[in-house]
């Protein structure tokens, strides 16, 4: 479920170019993962795992960097 869930979240993120929408998507994902018992450090790792798998596409790397920034912003608030 973990990897598939993150892939679905990232697919949803890729469909929008607005950071406020992306932030809402990530907030929902964080809430879901927290409700499932994941700690913030585990959530960060889940998002990073997919970033490594997508490194062959520079656009994906750029998006993942942005997603990680938004994720860190949400987890730190």
Protein backbone atom coordinates (compact mmCIF):
# COMPACT_ATOMS: atom_id res chain seq x y z
CA UNK A 1 0.00 0.00 0.00
CA UNK A 2 2.79 2.43 0.91
CA UNK A 3 4.55 2.69 -2.44
CA UNK A 4 1.32 2.51 -4.42
CA UNK A 5 -0.21 5.20 -2.21
CA UNK A 6 2.79 7.51 -2.72
CA UNK A 7 2.77 6.87 -6.48
CA UNK A 8 -0.91 7.85 -6.57
CA UNK A 9 -0.21 10.98 -4.53
CA UNK A 10 2.65 11.96 -6.82
CA UNK A 11 0.51 11.32 -9.88
CA UNK A 12 -2.08 13.67 -8.44
CA UNK A 13 0.65 16.23 -7.67
CA UNK A 14 1.93 16.05 -11.24
CA UNK A 15 -1.52 16.96 -12.56
CA UNK A 16 -1.44 20.41 -10.94
CA UNK A 17 1.04 23.24 -11.24
CA UNK A 18 -0.21 25.29 -8.30
CA UNK A 19 1.72 24.95 -5.05
CA UNK A 20 -1.33 25.69 -2.88
CA UNK A 21 -3.13 22.74 -4.51
CA UNK A 22 -0.06 20.57 -4.15
CA UNK A 23 0.16 21.54 -0.49
CA UNK A 24 -3.44 20.42 0.07
CA UNK A 25 -2.76 17.08 -1.65
CA UNK A 26 0.32 16.53 0.51
CA UNK A 27 -1.58 17.56 3.67
CA UNK A 28 -4.23 14.93 2.93
CA UNK A 29 -1.55 12.31 2.27
CA UNK A 30 0.26 13.17 5.52
CA UNK A 31 -2.99 12.95 7.47
CA UNK A 32 -3.79 9.56 5.93
CA UNK A 33 -0.31 8.22 6.66
CA UNK A 34 -0.35 9.59 10.22
CA UNK A 35 -3.77 8.01 10.76
CA UNK A 36 -2.22 4.73 9.59
CA UNK A 37 0.45 5.08 12.30
CA UNK A 38 3.36 6.48 10.31
CA UNK A 39 5.77 8.88 11.99
CA UNK A 40 6.97 12.02 10.20
CA UNK A 41 10.42 10.51 9.57
CA UNK A 42 8.79 7.48 7.94
CA UNK A 43 6.60 9.72 5.80
CA UNK A 44 9.67 11.61 4.56
CA UNK A 45 11.34 8.31 3.69
CA UNK A 46 8.28 7.14 1.74
CA UNK A 47 8.38 10.29 -0.38
CA UNK A 48 12.17 9.92 -0.90
CA UNK A 49 11.96 6.28 -2.01
CA UNK A 50 9.95 7.19 -5.08
CA UNK A 51 12.27 10.12 -5.82
CA UNK A 52 15.18 7.68 -6.22
CA UNK A 53 13.18 5.47 -8.58
CA UNK A 54 12.39 8.44 -10.80
CA UNK A 55 15.89 9.90 -11.08
CA UNK A 56 16.28 9.10 -14.77
CA UNK A 57 13.88 11.92 -15.64
CA UNK A 58 15.19 15.39 -14.72
CA UNK A 59 11.67 16.87 -14.65
CA UNK A 60 10.71 14.24 -12.06
CA UNK A 61 13.75 15.14 -9.95
CA UNK A 62 12.78 18.81 -10.02
CA UNK A 63 9.20 17.98 -9.08
CA UNK A 64 10.34 15.65 -6.30
CA UNK A 65 12.56 18.38 -4.85
CA UNK A 66 9.56 20.72 -4.81
CA UNK A 67 7.32 18.05 -3.30
CA UNK A 68 9.89 17.36 -0.58
CA UNK A 69 10.08 21.09 0.22
CA UNK A 70 6.29 21.25 0.53
CA UNK A 71 6.24 18.05 2.59
CA UNK A 72 8.86 19.42 4.98
CA UNK A 73 6.91 22.67 5.29
CA UNK A 74 3.76 20.72 6.20
CA UNK A 75 5.49 18.34 8.61
CA UNK A 76 7.26 21.24 10.36
CA UNK A 77 4.10 23.30 10.85
